Protein backbone atom coordinates (compact mmCIF):
# COMPACT_ATOMS: atom_id res chain seq x y z
CA MET A 1 112.17 19.83 32.45
CA SER A 2 115.13 19.45 34.78
CA LYS A 3 118.40 21.38 34.45
CA ASN A 4 120.14 18.28 33.01
CA LYS A 5 117.52 17.96 30.29
CA LEU A 6 117.85 21.69 29.56
CA LEU A 7 121.62 21.16 29.13
CA ASN A 8 120.92 18.16 26.90
CA ILE A 9 118.64 20.33 24.70
CA LYS A 10 121.39 22.92 24.43
CA ASP A 11 123.80 20.13 23.59
CA LYS A 12 121.44 19.08 20.77
CA ILE A 13 121.31 22.55 19.25
CA ASP A 14 123.24 22.95 16.06
CA GLY A 15 123.01 26.50 14.77
CA ASN A 16 119.31 27.20 14.30
CA GLU A 17 118.35 23.52 14.55
CA VAL A 18 117.64 21.21 17.47
CA ASP A 19 117.33 17.44 17.08
CA LEU A 20 115.03 15.85 19.68
CA SER A 21 114.17 12.78 17.61
CA LEU A 22 114.34 9.28 19.09
CA CYS A 23 114.33 10.70 22.65
CA ASN A 24 111.25 8.75 23.76
CA LEU A 25 109.47 12.04 24.59
CA THR A 26 105.84 12.01 25.72
CA GLU A 27 105.57 15.80 25.79
CA VAL A 28 107.34 18.66 24.09
CA PRO A 29 109.74 20.77 26.22
CA VAL A 30 107.96 23.98 25.23
CA ARG A 31 109.51 26.20 27.90
CA GLU A 32 113.04 25.14 26.97
CA LEU A 33 112.40 25.67 23.27
CA ALA A 34 110.91 29.09 23.94
CA ALA A 35 114.11 29.98 25.80
CA VAL A 36 116.17 29.60 22.58
CA PRO A 37 114.31 31.66 19.96
CA LYS A 38 117.20 31.34 17.55
CA VAL A 39 116.13 27.72 16.98
CA THR A 40 113.77 27.74 14.01
CA VAL A 41 114.06 24.06 13.03
CA VAL A 42 112.88 21.41 15.52
CA ASP A 43 112.97 17.66 14.90
CA LEU A 44 110.59 15.78 17.23
CA SER A 45 110.16 12.71 15.05
CA CYS A 46 110.09 9.13 16.32
CA ASN A 47 108.85 9.91 19.86
CA ASN A 48 105.74 8.96 21.85
CA LEU A 49 103.89 12.30 21.58
CA THR A 50 100.09 11.94 21.76
CA MET A 51 99.24 15.64 21.94
CA LEU A 52 100.66 19.12 21.80
CA THR A 53 99.80 21.50 24.61
CA PRO A 54 98.22 24.91 23.84
CA GLU A 55 101.49 26.54 24.98
CA PHE A 56 103.22 24.92 21.95
CA CYS A 57 101.41 27.43 19.72
CA GLY A 58 103.51 30.16 21.32
CA LEU A 59 106.63 28.97 19.48
CA VAL A 60 105.92 31.37 16.65
CA HIS A 61 109.61 31.53 15.62
CA LEU A 62 109.49 27.97 14.22
CA VAL A 63 110.06 27.62 10.48
CA ARG A 64 110.44 23.86 10.12
CA LEU A 65 108.80 21.23 12.33
CA GLU A 66 109.27 17.47 12.14
CA LEU A 67 106.51 15.58 14.00
CA ASN A 68 106.45 12.43 11.89
CA LYS A 69 106.13 8.99 13.44
CA ASN A 70 104.47 9.97 16.73
CA ARG A 71 101.03 9.17 18.10
CA LEU A 72 99.36 12.54 17.66
CA GLU A 73 95.57 12.30 17.45
CA CYS A 74 94.92 16.04 17.15
CA LEU A 75 96.60 19.41 16.94
CA PRO A 76 95.87 22.42 19.22
CA GLU A 77 93.01 24.69 18.14
CA ASP A 78 95.41 27.65 17.84
CA PHE A 79 97.96 25.77 15.74
CA GLY A 80 97.49 28.44 13.06
CA SER A 81 99.37 30.88 15.33
CA LEU A 82 102.66 29.41 13.96
CA VAL A 83 102.49 31.94 11.14
CA ASN A 84 106.21 31.55 10.22
CA LEU A 85 106.00 27.79 9.72
CA GLN A 86 107.04 26.75 6.17
CA HIS A 87 107.77 23.01 6.49
CA LEU A 88 105.59 20.56 8.48
CA ASP A 89 105.98 16.79 8.56
CA LEU A 90 103.08 14.87 10.15
CA LEU A 91 103.77 11.50 8.54
CA GLY A 92 102.68 8.40 10.41
CA ASN A 93 100.43 9.82 13.19
CA ARG A 94 96.79 9.19 14.11
CA LEU A 95 95.27 12.45 12.84
CA THR A 96 91.75 12.39 11.38
CA GLU A 97 91.32 16.13 10.93
CA LEU A 98 93.12 19.43 11.29
CA PRO A 99 92.04 22.49 13.34
CA VAL A 100 90.27 25.25 11.41
CA SER A 101 93.04 27.70 12.33
CA PHE A 102 95.38 25.59 10.11
CA SER A 103 94.25 27.78 7.23
CA GLN A 104 96.12 30.72 8.81
CA LEU A 105 99.53 29.08 8.08
CA ARG A 106 100.05 31.34 5.05
CA SER A 107 103.81 30.71 5.00
CA LEU A 108 103.42 26.90 4.75
CA LYS A 109 105.10 25.53 1.59
CA TRP A 110 105.64 21.85 2.38
CA LEU A 111 103.34 19.34 4.10
CA ASP A 112 103.27 15.57 4.53
CA LEU A 113 100.14 13.88 5.89
CA LYS A 114 100.71 10.33 4.68
CA ASP A 115 99.81 7.39 6.89
CA ASN A 116 97.15 9.25 8.92
CA PRO A 117 93.48 8.11 9.14
CA LEU A 118 92.30 11.39 7.58
CA GLU A 119 88.65 12.01 6.82
CA ALA A 120 87.81 11.62 3.15
CA GLY A 121 87.75 15.29 2.14
CA LEU A 122 91.03 16.09 3.83
CA ALA A 123 92.68 12.90 2.50
CA LYS A 124 91.65 13.81 -1.06
CA ALA A 125 93.08 17.31 -0.66
CA ALA A 126 96.36 15.97 0.82
CA GLY A 127 97.02 13.48 -2.02
CA ASP A 128 99.84 10.92 -2.01
CA CYS A 129 102.80 13.23 -1.14
CA LEU A 130 105.35 10.79 -2.52
CA ASP A 131 107.95 13.36 -3.50
CA GLU A 132 108.96 16.97 -2.96
CA ARG A 133 106.60 18.33 -5.61
CA GLN A 134 103.57 16.44 -4.26
CA CYS A 135 104.32 17.58 -0.69
CA LYS A 136 104.38 21.18 -1.90
CA GLN A 137 101.09 20.57 -3.72
CA CYS A 138 99.77 18.94 -0.56
CA ALA A 139 100.51 22.11 1.42
CA ALA A 140 98.75 24.32 -1.13
CA ARG A 141 95.71 22.03 -1.52
CA VAL A 142 95.32 21.44 2.22
CA LEU A 143 95.52 25.18 2.93
CA GLN A 144 92.88 25.78 0.26
CA HIS A 145 90.76 22.97 1.68
CA MET A 146 91.08 24.36 5.23
CA ARG A 147 90.22 27.86 4.04
CA GLY A 148 87.07 26.40 2.55
CA LEU A 149 86.34 24.70 5.86
CA GLN A 150 87.07 27.93 7.67
CA GLU A 151 84.64 29.77 5.42
CA GLU A 152 82.02 27.10 6.07
CA VAL A 153 82.75 27.25 9.78
CA GLU A 154 82.55 31.03 9.61
CA LYS A 155 79.27 30.78 7.71
CA ILE A 156 77.99 28.34 10.28
CA ARG A 157 79.17 30.65 13.02
CA GLN A 158 77.56 33.65 11.34
CA LYS A 159 74.35 31.67 10.86
CA LYS A 160 74.49 30.68 14.50
CA LEU A 161 75.07 34.28 15.49
CA GLN A 162 72.25 35.35 13.19
CA ARG A 163 69.96 32.72 14.69
CA GLU A 164 70.93 33.91 18.14
CA LYS A 165 70.27 37.50 17.08
CA ASP A 166 66.93 36.48 15.56
CA LEU A 167 66.05 34.59 18.70
CA GLU A 168 67.08 37.59 20.76
CA LYS A 169 64.97 39.85 18.56
CA LYS A 170 62.05 37.46 18.90
CA ARG A 171 62.52 37.39 22.65
CA GLU A 172 62.72 41.18 22.70
CA ALA A 173 59.63 41.40 20.48
CA LYS A 174 57.78 39.00 22.77
CA GLN A 175 58.98 40.98 25.75
CA ARG A 176 57.77 44.21 24.15
CA GLU A 177 54.43 42.59 23.30
CA ARG A 178 54.12 41.31 26.86
CA GLU A 179 55.00 44.73 28.24
CA ALA A 180 52.54 46.33 25.81
CA ARG A 181 49.82 43.92 26.95
CA GLU A 182 50.66 44.64 30.58
CA ARG A 183 50.52 48.37 29.91
CA GLU A 184 47.20 47.93 28.12
CA VAL A 185 45.84 45.88 31.01
CA LYS A 186 47.02 48.51 33.51
CA LYS A 187 45.54 51.27 31.35
CA ARG A 188 42.24 49.41 31.12
CA GLU A 189 42.24 48.77 34.86
CA LYS A 190 42.91 52.45 35.53
CA ALA A 191 40.08 53.42 33.15
CA GLU A 192 37.73 50.95 34.85
CA GLU A 193 38.76 52.23 38.27
CA LYS A 194 38.18 55.81 37.16
CA GLU A 195 34.79 54.88 35.70
CA ARG A 196 33.89 53.11 38.93
CA ARG A 197 34.84 56.16 40.98
CA ARG A 198 32.87 58.36 38.57
CA ALA A 199 29.80 56.11 38.97
CA GLU A 200 30.15 56.23 42.75
CA TYR A 201 30.47 60.01 42.62
CA ASN A 202 27.37 60.30 40.42
CA GLN A 203 25.45 58.03 42.79
CA GLN A 204 26.49 60.14 45.75
CA MET A 205 25.50 63.32 43.97
CA ALA A 206 22.15 61.78 42.96
CA ALA A 207 21.52 60.57 46.51
CA GLN A 208 22.43 64.01 47.88
CA ALA A 209 20.17 65.72 45.36
CA ALA A 210 17.32 63.32 46.25
CA GLN A 211 17.82 64.04 49.95
CA GLU A 212 17.78 67.78 49.34
CA GLN A 213 14.67 67.45 47.17
CA GLN A 214 12.95 65.36 49.80
CA LYS A 215 13.94 67.82 52.50
CA LYS A 216 12.63 70.67 50.38
CA ARG A 217 9.29 68.88 49.85
CA GLN A 218 9.02 68.21 53.57
CA GLU A 219 9.65 71.86 54.34
CA GLU A 220 7.04 72.94 51.79
CA LYS A 221 4.57 70.45 53.28
CA LYS A 222 5.26 71.74 56.77
CA LYS A 223 4.73 75.28 55.53
CA LYS A 224 1.39 74.32 53.96
CA ASN A 225 0.20 72.35 57.01
CA GLY A 226 1.45 74.82 59.59
CA LYS A 227 0.36 78.11 57.92
CA ALA A 228 -2.24 79.14 60.61
CA PRO A 229 0.05 78.43 63.55
CA ASP A 230 2.77 80.26 61.74
CA GLN A 231 0.49 83.26 61.31
CA LYS A 232 -0.44 83.12 64.98
CA SER A 233 3.14 82.84 66.00
CA SER A 234 3.96 85.69 63.67
CA SER A 235 1.32 87.84 65.38
CA ASP A 236 2.61 87.00 68.85
CA PRO A 237 5.95 88.81 68.75
CA PRO A 238 4.37 92.31 68.53
CA ALA A 239 2.82 91.63 71.99
CA LYS A 240 6.24 91.53 73.54
CA PRO A 241 6.82 95.22 72.99
CA LYS A 242 3.45 95.92 74.72
CA ARG A 243 4.50 93.95 77.77
CA SER A 244 7.79 95.72 77.70
CA VAL A 245 6.12 99.17 77.55
CA LEU A 246 3.73 98.31 80.40
CA TRP A 247 6.59 97.01 82.48
CA LEU A 248 8.55 100.19 81.85
CA LEU A 249 5.47 102.26 82.69
CA LEU A 250 4.97 100.39 85.95
CA LYS A 251 8.57 100.84 86.89
CA PHE A 252 8.28 104.53 86.03
CA LEU A 253 5.20 104.96 88.20
CA LEU A 254 6.88 103.04 90.98
CA LEU A 255 9.87 105.32 90.80
CA VAL A 256 7.58 108.37 90.78
CA PHE A 257 5.69 107.03 93.82
CA LEU A 258 8.88 106.33 95.65
CA GLY A 259 10.13 109.79 94.75
CA LEU A 260 6.91 111.37 96.03
CA PHE A 261 7.04 109.25 99.15
CA ALA A 262 10.64 110.27 99.80
CA THR A 263 9.78 113.93 99.20
CA ALA A 264 6.78 113.74 101.51
CA ALA A 265 8.82 112.02 104.21
CA ALA A 266 11.57 114.63 103.88
CA CYS A 267 9.09 117.51 104.13
CA ARG A 268 7.25 115.82 106.99
CA PHE A 269 10.01 114.68 109.27
CA SER A 270 13.10 116.76 108.41
CA ASP A 271 14.11 120.35 108.98
CA LEU A 272 12.79 121.20 105.51
CA ARG A 273 9.17 121.26 106.66
CA ASP A 274 9.42 125.04 107.29
CA GLN A 275 10.29 125.70 103.66
CA PRO A 276 7.46 127.15 101.55
CA THR A 277 7.44 124.24 99.18
CA CYS A 278 7.39 121.66 101.94
CA ARG A 279 4.58 123.55 103.69
CA GLU A 280 2.47 123.24 100.55
CA ILE A 281 3.34 119.57 100.28
CA ASN A 282 2.43 118.96 103.92
CA VAL A 283 -0.91 120.72 103.39
CA LEU A 284 -1.64 118.47 100.39
CA LEU A 285 -0.59 115.42 102.36
CA ASP A 286 -2.89 116.33 105.29
CA GLN A 287 -5.81 116.87 102.90
CA SER A 288 -5.12 113.52 101.26
CA LEU A 289 -5.00 111.73 104.58
CA SER A 290 -8.27 113.34 105.73
CA TRP A 291 -9.90 112.37 102.45
CA ALA A 292 -8.68 108.82 102.89
CA LYS A 293 -10.15 108.71 106.40
CA ASP A 294 -13.50 109.93 105.07
CA GLN A 295 -13.45 107.29 102.43
CA LYS A 296 -12.64 104.67 105.06
CA VAL A 297 -15.67 105.67 107.10
CA LEU A 298 -17.88 105.45 104.04
CA VAL A 299 -16.50 102.04 103.24
CA GLN A 300 -17.14 100.84 106.78
CA ASP A 301 -20.75 102.05 106.66
CA LEU A 302 -21.21 100.36 103.30
CA LEU A 303 -19.81 97.12 104.62
CA LEU A 304 -22.12 97.27 107.66
CA ASN A 305 -25.17 97.82 105.47
CA LEU A 306 -24.15 94.97 103.19
CA SER A 307 -23.61 92.61 106.09
CA SER A 308 -26.98 93.44 107.67
CA SER A 309 -28.73 92.96 104.33
CA ALA A 310 -26.99 89.66 103.77
CA LYS A 311 -27.96 88.52 107.28
CA GLU A 312 -31.59 89.39 106.68
CA PHE A 313 -31.55 87.56 103.32
CA ILE A 314 -30.09 84.45 104.91
CA GLU A 315 -32.63 84.49 107.77
CA SER A 316 -35.55 84.91 105.36
CA THR A 317 -34.28 82.06 103.20
CA GLN A 318 -33.98 79.74 106.18
CA GLN A 319 -37.50 80.65 107.32
CA GLN A 320 -38.90 79.81 103.91
CA LEU A 321 -37.16 76.47 103.89
CA THR A 322 -38.52 75.73 107.36
CA ASP A 323 -42.07 76.60 106.27
CA LYS A 324 -41.87 74.29 103.28
CA ASN A 325 -40.76 71.38 105.36
């Protein structure tokens, strides 16, 4: 509202009352009315109001409200917030029903709903409202009727909430069943997997045992078939020590021979030959050499005899062959 209209509203205030009737209003100046909380009686009759904004319900200081002869088709849902309202005139509007919160107007003592296209139940509760007494009765009966509607609405709401809770419980139950089935499936799959691994392990162990058994049988068969060679091979190793002893003996004799040869050479060709021991050794060496020469002569004579005999044998054999031919 403009400042001029605000001044006009203040001009229309008379004590705790403000008269805004016959002002051709299409909406209620809620902000301006809220600015003057001392005004508890508001006359908005004979205007062109089709609705009340939700902000109108904030005028909780109102005690008397004249809304007759407008074009109201409905009241705000929170209309019951006007808890101090005692007198309400809704004559000659287009209302068919009242909001459920209307039952919260516990201070309401007077109500006029004539000339509204009310639904049957509400119209019956409102009555004719032709005088002061009937309008008071109208307020009481309508409040009772609206409390009944509020109880029904509350029951419906509770039933709806209960249905929603039941549905939620069913969904939760289904979810738990689904989770239980999934857990059971996973448990079964784990058990099957474990059984499969166990079977594979048993197969591996059986195959390993079979291989070991087969290997053992092959070894036993080889032992049976190769017993003689094994015995021969077992008798061979003792020969190695014999060869080793002979080889050591030969090396020992060789060392002894070399030692004797070195001793003989030392006694023969060095200054030690005049020593008593070396003289004895030289005497033995000379005797050995003379003996060897004698043996050589004997061997030569033997070889000559053998060669002459062989020559005679060959000549006689050739002569015989010649005679035969």
